[in-house]
Amino acid sequence: MLAATGSALALLFGSPGTALIGVGLAGAAGVLLVAHVMVTERRRHEIAEEELASQAHFLESLVESFGALAATHEVTALLELSRTEAARLFDGRATLLAPGEERRHGPAESELLISLRARGDELASLRIVRGEPFGRDELVRAKVFGDFASRAIENAELLAEAQVREAERARLSQQLLTAEQDERRRLALFLHDTSVQSLSGIALMLDAALHAVSESRIEQASTVLQGALDRHRATIRALRDLSFNLEPVVLRDQGFAPAVAALAEQLGLEKEIQIETEVGAGEELPEKAQAALYQIIREALHASVRRGPPTRISVRAEKMPDGGLDVAIVDDAPGERRRAVFDALEERARTLNGELHVAAGADGGTTVRLSLPPYVAQG
């Protein structure tokens, strides 16, 4: 503007002095323009630096906030901590709204609503109100804060569930070791009280037979040897039965239902008892669960025989609506007063995470009921 005015005066009056004035004014105008451009650019850079510093400060505060959020696993505590951190970061008053709760509407530019979700479900909403309007950048920050808070809550829930599963796994491992040790102890006591005692008696009989032979009492020695032979054969049968009960071949080769049916047939013929079985639902169990359930049924049947003898026993396995399995062994034998008889059954049931209940039957007998949870029944 000044340069144009100076040039116009020089042309109008044609004076050399005036021309010099115009040139000076033009130079001053150029200096002022350069200074204006420099000041404008510096201010723009300062504004950009302030915005970057503000963003960095927000991110640092966000990291600190979620460091505090990660210190707890309680959803309620996380929601409350999210509320306090939101109030601090956005310099406003924050309240938690339950899912579906209607909020009181205020000026749209002075209110923020942040949804907190975990695994697709809304847990709560954060309502932030303050006197100053929220800018566009703060709306973006609010979205980032909501995403971070939701992820922190979801991760805390997953971590808490993982800790529960780890504690459950440790409990089950300890329970399995205890059950294995108890099983070894029961097997050792059984062998000591049956087969070992029988073999010791056979050894004594053989000693007596040798002594009789040395004294030429052949007939007496023959009688003793015949008794020893009979006892030896009985011991072999007992050991064979024990081997079959520990791992019946029919269970491995044909399945759960045929194995239980074979056990019922053998015991029924031996004790002259009517034993009904309907355990087809047990075929869906995993192999190890089938073996454990077979042992529970076997011990329950033998316990019924020892209390009785009963005239009839029924074994039923039924799949429940939730996917679990319900097994009932019902007999008409006299009730068992000794609680220790069922302790072994309860220990075996715990290895399957099942619940065992013993109750008196309607006809004076006993009902042993085992309930297996769905995750065990479904493998």
Protein backbone atom coordinates (compact mmCIF):
# COMPACT_ATOMS: atom_id res chain seq x y z
CA MET A 1 0.00 0.00 0.00
CA LEU A 2 2.77 2.45 1.00
CA ALA A 3 4.86 1.47 -2.03
CA ALA A 4 1.99 2.08 -4.40
CA THR A 5 1.32 5.52 -2.87
CA GLY A 6 4.98 6.56 -3.17
CA SER A 7 5.16 5.52 -6.81
CA ALA A 8 1.99 7.45 -7.58
CA LEU A 9 3.43 10.67 -6.04
CA ALA A 10 6.66 10.31 -7.99
CA LEU A 11 4.80 9.98 -11.25
CA LEU A 12 2.47 12.88 -10.42
CA PHE A 13 5.02 15.48 -9.50
CA GLY A 14 8.04 14.13 -11.32
CA SER A 15 10.27 15.20 -8.42
CA PRO A 16 13.49 13.23 -7.68
CA GLY A 17 12.99 13.71 -3.91
CA THR A 18 9.55 12.37 -4.04
CA ALA A 19 10.81 9.32 -5.96
CA LEU A 20 13.29 8.65 -3.17
CA ILE A 21 10.51 8.87 -0.60
CA GLY A 22 8.46 6.33 -2.57
CA VAL A 23 11.37 3.91 -2.71
CA GLY A 24 11.88 4.22 1.05
CA LEU A 25 8.26 3.59 1.75
CA ALA A 26 8.33 0.53 -0.49
CA GLY A 27 11.32 -0.89 1.41
CA ALA A 28 9.63 -0.31 4.77
CA ALA A 29 6.52 -2.06 3.54
CA GLY A 30 8.56 -5.11 2.54
CA VAL A 31 10.21 -5.28 5.96
CA LEU A 32 6.84 -5.03 7.68
CA LEU A 33 5.41 -7.79 5.48
CA VAL A 34 8.31 -10.14 6.24
CA ALA A 35 7.98 -9.41 9.96
CA HIS A 36 4.23 -10.09 9.83
CA VAL A 37 4.79 -13.41 8.07
CA MET A 38 7.44 -14.44 10.63
CA VAL A 39 5.22 -13.54 13.58
CA THR A 40 2.26 -15.39 12.06
CA GLU A 41 4.31 -18.56 11.39
CA ARG A 42 5.84 -18.47 14.85
CA ARG A 43 2.39 -18.20 16.42
CA ARG A 44 1.14 -21.09 14.31
CA HIS A 45 4.07 -23.22 15.42
CA GLU A 46 3.49 -22.26 19.02
CA ILE A 47 -0.17 -23.28 18.74
CA ALA A 48 0.85 -26.61 17.17
CA GLU A 49 3.41 -27.19 19.94
CA GLU A 50 0.77 -26.40 22.56
CA GLU A 51 -1.61 -28.89 20.95
CA LEU A 52 1.11 -31.57 20.80
CA ALA A 53 2.06 -30.89 24.43
CA SER A 54 -1.61 -31.12 25.39
CA GLN A 55 -1.96 -34.41 23.53
CA ALA A 56 1.21 -35.77 25.15
CA HIS A 57 0.01 -34.70 28.59
CA PHE A 58 -3.35 -36.38 27.97
CA LEU A 59 -1.69 -39.61 26.85
CA GLU A 60 0.63 -39.58 29.86
CA SER A 61 -2.34 -39.04 32.15
CA LEU A 62 -4.21 -41.81 30.33
CA VAL A 63 -1.31 -44.24 30.86
CA GLU A 64 -1.16 -43.34 34.55
CA SER A 65 -4.90 -43.75 34.86
CA PHE A 66 -4.94 -47.21 33.37
CA GLY A 67 -1.94 -48.18 35.39
CA ALA A 68 -4.20 -47.57 38.37
CA LEU A 69 -7.07 -49.42 36.67
CA ALA A 70 -4.90 -52.48 36.15
CA ALA A 71 -4.19 -52.73 39.88
CA THR A 72 -7.63 -54.14 40.69
CA HIS A 73 -9.78 -56.96 39.28
CA GLU A 74 -13.15 -55.97 40.73
CA VAL A 75 -15.52 -54.65 38.06
CA THR A 76 -17.26 -52.32 40.51
CA ALA A 77 -13.94 -50.85 41.61
CA LEU A 78 -12.82 -50.47 37.99
CA LEU A 79 -15.98 -48.61 37.07
CA GLU A 80 -15.61 -46.25 40.02
CA LEU A 81 -11.94 -45.67 39.21
CA SER A 82 -12.86 -44.97 35.58
CA ARG A 83 -15.32 -42.34 36.82
CA THR A 84 -12.77 -40.55 39.01
CA GLU A 85 -10.09 -40.66 36.29
CA ALA A 86 -12.53 -39.30 33.68
CA ALA A 87 -13.42 -36.42 36.00
CA ARG A 88 -9.72 -35.65 36.46
CA LEU A 89 -8.79 -35.89 32.77
CA PHE A 90 -11.69 -33.78 31.48
CA ASP A 91 -11.92 -31.41 34.45
CA GLY A 92 -15.62 -31.99 34.98
CA ARG A 93 -18.15 -33.79 37.13
CA ALA A 94 -18.50 -37.48 36.19
CA THR A 95 -21.32 -39.82 37.16
CA LEU A 96 -21.95 -43.50 36.40
CA LEU A 97 -25.18 -44.49 34.71
CA ALA A 98 -26.44 -48.07 34.83
CA PRO A 99 -27.22 -49.78 31.50
CA GLY A 100 -30.48 -48.39 30.17
CA GLU A 101 -30.64 -45.60 32.75
CA GLU A 102 -31.89 -42.35 31.27
CA ARG A 103 -29.65 -39.34 31.66
CA ARG A 104 -30.70 -35.81 32.42
CA HIS A 105 -30.06 -33.79 29.31
CA GLY A 106 -28.11 -30.58 29.56
CA PRO A 107 -26.45 -28.36 26.95
CA ALA A 108 -25.07 -30.75 24.33
CA GLU A 109 -21.77 -28.88 24.02
CA SER A 110 -21.15 -29.13 27.81
CA GLU A 111 -21.92 -32.83 28.27
CA LEU A 112 -20.07 -36.04 27.33
CA LEU A 113 -21.42 -39.59 27.44
CA ILE A 114 -18.88 -42.44 27.35
CA SER A 115 -20.07 -46.05 27.01
CA LEU A 116 -18.13 -48.72 28.93
CA ARG A 117 -18.52 -52.21 27.44
CA ALA A 118 -16.91 -55.62 28.00
CA ARG A 119 -17.34 -58.63 25.69
CA GLY A 120 -20.11 -56.86 23.83
CA ASP A 121 -22.21 -56.13 26.93
CA GLU A 122 -22.70 -52.61 28.25
CA LEU A 123 -21.56 -52.33 31.84
CA ALA A 124 -22.26 -48.64 32.43
CA SER A 125 -22.06 -45.17 30.91
CA LEU A 126 -19.95 -42.25 32.08
CA ARG A 127 -21.70 -38.86 32.01
CA ILE A 128 -19.27 -35.93 32.23
CA VAL A 129 -20.61 -32.40 32.68
CA ARG A 130 -18.73 -29.13 33.08
CA GLY A 131 -19.30 -25.40 32.60
CA GLU A 132 -17.11 -25.05 29.51
CA PRO A 133 -18.08 -26.62 26.19
CA PHE A 134 -16.16 -29.67 25.01
CA GLY A 135 -14.03 -29.20 21.92
CA ARG A 136 -13.69 -31.58 19.00
CA ASP A 137 -10.34 -32.89 20.24
CA GLU A 138 -11.87 -33.64 23.65
CA LEU A 139 -14.62 -35.66 21.99
CA VAL A 140 -11.92 -37.77 20.34
CA ARG A 141 -10.14 -38.12 23.68
CA ALA A 142 -13.37 -39.24 25.31
CA LYS A 143 -13.76 -41.97 22.70
CA VAL A 144 -10.16 -43.12 23.30
CA PHE A 145 -10.70 -43.08 27.06
CA GLY A 146 -13.87 -45.19 26.74
CA ASP A 147 -12.09 -47.74 24.55
CA PHE A 148 -9.16 -47.96 26.98
CA ALA A 149 -11.41 -48.26 30.04
CA SER A 150 -13.54 -50.97 28.40
CA ARG A 151 -10.45 -52.93 27.41
CA ALA A 152 -8.99 -52.61 30.92
CA ILE A 153 -12.22 -53.91 32.49
CA GLU A 154 -12.43 -56.77 30.00
CA ASN A 155 -8.79 -57.74 30.60
CA ALA A 156 -9.32 -57.60 34.36
CA GLU A 157 -12.31 -59.96 34.02
CA LEU A 158 -10.28 -62.38 31.90
CA LEU A 159 -7.38 -62.27 34.36
CA ALA A 160 -9.69 -62.92 37.30
CA GLU A 161 -11.24 -65.88 35.47
CA ALA A 162 -7.78 -67.20 34.62
CA GLN A 163 -6.79 -67.01 38.28
CA VAL A 164 -9.94 -68.88 39.28
CA ARG A 165 -9.22 -71.57 36.68
CA GLU A 166 -5.62 -71.85 37.86
CA ALA A 167 -6.73 -72.25 41.47
CA GLU A 168 -9.27 -74.86 40.38
CA ARG A 169 -6.60 -76.69 38.38
CA ALA A 170 -4.27 -76.73 41.39
CA ARG A 171 -7.10 -78.02 43.59
CA LEU A 172 -7.97 -80.76 41.13
CA SER A 173 -4.31 -81.77 40.78
CA GLN A 174 -3.99 -82.07 44.55
CA GLN A 175 -7.26 -83.95 44.68
CA LEU A 176 -6.06 -86.35 41.99
CA LEU A 177 -2.79 -87.03 43.83
CA THR A 178 -4.72 -87.68 47.06
CA ALA A 179 -7.12 -90.03 45.28
CA GLU A 180 -4.24 -91.95 43.69
CA GLN A 181 -2.52 -92.31 47.05
CA ASP A 182 -5.75 -93.49 48.70
CA GLU A 183 -6.28 -95.98 45.88
CA ARG A 184 -2.79 -97.41 46.36
CA ARG A 185 -3.42 -97.68 50.10
CA ARG A 186 -6.72 -99.50 49.59
CA LEU A 187 -5.15 -101.86 47.07
CA ALA A 188 -2.22 -102.63 49.40
CA LEU A 189 -4.59 -103.36 52.31
CA PHE A 190 -6.79 -105.54 50.12
CA LEU A 191 -3.86 -107.61 48.86
CA HIS A 192 -2.49 -107.96 52.39
CA ASP A 193 -5.81 -109.11 53.84
CA THR A 194 -6.68 -111.51 51.01
CA SER A 195 -4.08 -112.85 48.61
CA VAL A 196 -1.03 -112.44 50.86
CA GLN A 197 -2.79 -114.17 53.76
CA SER A 198 -3.94 -116.95 51.45
CA LEU A 199 -0.43 -117.48 50.06
CA SER A 200 0.98 -117.52 53.58
CA GLY A 201 -1.51 -120.25 54.49
CA ILE A 202 -0.53 -122.23 51.40
CA ALA A 203 3.12 -121.97 52.40
CA LEU A 204 2.31 -123.36 55.86
CA MET A 205 0.33 -126.21 54.29
CA LEU A 206 3.24 -127.09 52.01
CA ASP A 207 5.58 -127.14 55.00
CA ALA A 208 3.21 -129.53 56.74
CA ALA A 209 3.01 -131.74 53.63
CA LEU A 210 6.81 -131.94 53.38
CA HIS A 211 7.01 -132.84 57.05
CA ALA A 212 4.43 -135.58 56.54
CA VAL A 213 6.34 -136.95 53.52
CA SER A 214 9.59 -137.00 55.51
CA GLU A 215 7.82 -139.17 58.12
CA SER A 216 6.32 -141.42 55.41
CA ARG A 217 2.78 -140.26 56.13
CA ILE A 218 1.93 -140.19 52.46
CA GLU A 219 -1.86 -140.21 52.81
CA GLN A 220 -1.84 -137.25 55.19
CA ALA A 221 0.62 -135.39 52.94
CA SER A 222 -1.64 -136.01 49.95
CA THR A 223 -4.65 -134.55 51.81
CA VAL A 224 -2.68 -131.45 52.82
CA LEU A 225 -1.40 -130.98 49.26
CA GLN A 226 -4.92 -131.24 47.87
CA GLY A 227 -6.08 -128.52 50.29
CA ALA A 228 -3.13 -126.33 49.35
CA LEU A 229 -3.94 -126.81 45.67
CA ASP A 230 -7.58 -125.80 46.20
CA ARG A 231 -6.55 -122.70 48.12
CA HIS A 232 -3.99 -121.85 45.46
CA ARG A 233 -6.64 -122.01 42.75
CA ALA A 234 -8.98 -119.84 44.82
CA THR A 235 -6.19 -117.27 45.21
CA ILE A 236 -5.62 -117.24 41.47
CA ARG A 237 -9.34 -116.62 40.90
CA ALA A 238 -9.32 -113.78 43.43
CA LEU A 239 -6.30 -112.15 41.76
CA ARG A 240 -7.93 -112.59 38.35
CA ASP A 241 -11.10 -110.94 39.64
CA LEU A 242 -9.04 -108.11 41.11
CA SER A 243 -7.27 -107.61 37.77
CA PHE A 244 -10.63 -107.59 35.99
CA ASN A 245 -12.07 -105.06 38.42
CA LEU A 246 -9.09 -102.74 38.15
CA GLU A 247 -9.32 -102.62 34.36
CA PRO A 248 -11.95 -104.91 32.89
CA VAL A 249 -11.15 -106.04 29.37
CA VAL A 250 -14.78 -105.70 28.29
CA LEU A 251 -14.76 -102.00 29.31
CA ARG A 252 -11.75 -101.37 27.13
CA ASP A 253 -12.87 -103.49 24.16
CA GLN A 254 -16.68 -103.18 24.13
CA GLY A 255 -17.65 -100.07 26.07
CA PHE A 256 -19.18 -98.88 29.30
CA ALA A 257 -22.68 -100.38 29.10
CA PRO A 258 -21.47 -103.94 28.24
CA ALA A 259 -18.90 -103.76 31.06
CA VAL A 260 -21.53 -102.80 33.65
CA ALA A 261 -23.88 -105.47 32.30
CA ALA A 262 -21.14 -108.11 32.58
CA LEU A 263 -20.38 -107.04 36.15
CA ALA A 264 -24.08 -107.22 37.07
CA GLU A 265 -24.47 -110.64 35.45
CA GLN A 266 -21.42 -112.08 37.21
CA LEU A 267 -22.43 -110.72 40.62
CA GLY A 268 -26.08 -111.64 40.13
CA LEU A 269 -25.29 -115.26 39.27
CA GLU A 270 -22.81 -115.56 42.11
CA LYS A 271 -25.11 -114.09 44.78
CA GLU A 272 -28.47 -115.03 43.20
CA ILE A 273 -29.60 -111.40 42.97
CA GLN A 274 -31.63 -109.70 40.28
CA ILE A 275 -29.59 -106.75 39.01
CA GLU A 276 -31.06 -104.47 36.34
CA THR A 277 -28.83 -102.08 34.39
CA GLU A 278 -29.67 -99.19 32.08
CA VAL A 279 -26.48 -97.20 31.65
CA GLY A 280 -26.32 -96.42 27.93
CA ALA A 281 -26.01 -92.69 28.70
CA GLY A 282 -22.58 -93.41 30.19
CA GLU A 283 -21.22 -94.32 26.75
CA GLU A 284 -20.77 -90.61 26.00
CA LEU A 285 -18.33 -90.15 28.89
CA PRO A 286 -14.60 -89.85 28.20
CA GLU A 287 -12.57 -93.04 28.66
CA LYS A 288 -11.08 -92.08 32.04
CA ALA A 289 -14.44 -90.93 33.38
CA GLN A 290 -15.98 -94.25 32.31
CA ALA A 291 -13.30 -96.18 34.21
CA ALA A 292 -13.84 -94.10 37.36
CA LEU A 293 -17.63 -94.41 37.15
CA TYR A 294 -17.32 -98.18 36.63
CA GLN A 295 -15.34 -98.47 39.88
CA ILE A 296 -17.99 -96.44 41.75
CA ILE A 297 -20.76 -98.74 40.48
CA ARG A 298 -18.72 -101.85 41.30
CA GLU A 299 -18.02 -100.75 44.88
CA ALA A 300 -21.64 -99.68 45.40
CA LEU A 301 -22.89 -103.10 44.22
CA HIS A 302 -20.49 -104.95 46.51
CA ALA A 303 -21.49 -102.70 49.41
CA SER A 304 -25.15 -103.61 48.76
CA VAL A 305 -24.30 -107.31 48.81
CA ARG A 306 -22.38 -106.97 52.09
CA ARG A 307 -25.31 -105.15 53.77
CA GLY A 308 -27.93 -107.60 52.54
CA PRO A 309 -28.15 -109.73 50.83
CA PRO A 310 -30.62 -107.72 48.74
CA THR A 311 -33.14 -109.34 46.43
CA ARG A 312 -32.84 -106.78 43.66
CA ILE A 313 -30.59 -103.91 42.60
CA SER A 314 -31.02 -101.42 39.79
CA VAL A 315 -28.35 -99.27 38.14
CA ARG A 316 -29.55 -96.33 36.05
CA ALA A 317 -27.64 -93.61 34.19
CA GLU A 318 -29.63 -90.67 32.81
CA LYS A 319 -28.50 -87.61 30.91
CA MET A 320 -29.75 -84.38 32.46
CA PRO A 321 -31.19 -81.37 30.57
CA ASP A 322 -28.07 -79.27 31.31
CA GLY A 323 -25.79 -81.95 29.81
CA GLY A 324 -24.76 -83.54 33.10
CA LEU A 325 -25.16 -87.20 34.04
CA ASP A 326 -27.19 -88.65 36.92
CA VAL A 327 -26.36 -92.20 38.09
CA ALA A 328 -28.50 -94.02 40.68
CA ILE A 329 -27.77 -97.40 42.35
CA VAL A 330 -30.92 -98.50 44.21
CA ASP A 331 -31.23 -101.68 46.34
CA ASP A 332 -33.61 -103.17 48.90
CA ALA A 333 -30.87 -104.24 51.32
CA PRO A 334 -30.89 -103.07 54.95
CA GLY A 335 -29.52 -99.58 55.51
CA GLU A 336 -25.82 -99.11 56.19
CA ARG A 337 -25.06 -97.48 59.56
CA ARG A 338 -21.31 -97.17 59.03
CA ARG A 339 -20.57 -93.90 57.26
CA ALA A 340 -17.04 -95.02 56.41
CA VAL A 341 -18.49 -97.47 53.88
CA PHE A 342 -19.42 -94.57 51.61
CA ASP A 343 -16.26 -92.51 52.17
CA ALA A 344 -14.41 -94.39 49.43
CA LEU A 345 -17.29 -93.73 47.02
CA GLU A 346 -17.23 -90.03 47.86
CA GLU A 347 -13.49 -89.86 47.24
CA ARG A 348 -13.93 -91.46 43.83
CA ALA A 349 -16.81 -89.08 43.06
CA ARG A 350 -14.61 -86.07 43.89
CA THR A 351 -12.05 -87.20 41.30
CA LEU A 352 -14.83 -86.67 38.75
CA ASN A 353 -15.93 -83.36 40.33
CA GLY A 354 -19.21 -85.12 41.05
CA GLU A 355 -21.54 -85.06 44.05
CA LEU A 356 -22.49 -88.29 45.82
CA HIS A 357 -25.63 -88.53 47.94
CA VAL A 358 -26.78 -91.53 49.98
CA ALA A 359 -30.39 -91.77 51.12
CA ALA A 360 -32.82 -94.36 52.42
CA GLY A 361 -35.04 -95.86 49.76
CA ALA A 362 -38.82 -95.93 49.77
CA ASP A 363 -38.88 -99.70 50.45
CA GLY A 364 -36.30 -99.59 53.24
CA GLY A 365 -33.29 -100.01 50.96
CA THR A 366 -30.55 -97.56 50.03
CA THR A 367 -30.16 -95.18 47.09
CA VAL A 368 -26.68 -94.05 46.06
CA ARG A 369 -26.93 -91.15 43.61
CA LEU A 370 -24.00 -89.60 41.73
CA SER A 371 -24.36 -86.33 39.79
CA LEU A 372 -21.68 -85.41 37.25
CA PRO A 373 -21.40 -81.83 35.94
CA PRO A 374 -21.86 -81.14 32.20
CA TYR A 375 -18.17 -80.47 31.49
CA VAL A 376 -17.28 -83.91 32.85
CA ALA A 377 -20.14 -85.71 31.13
CA GLN A 378 -19.33 -84.04 27.81
CA GLY A 379 -15.57 -84.52 28.05
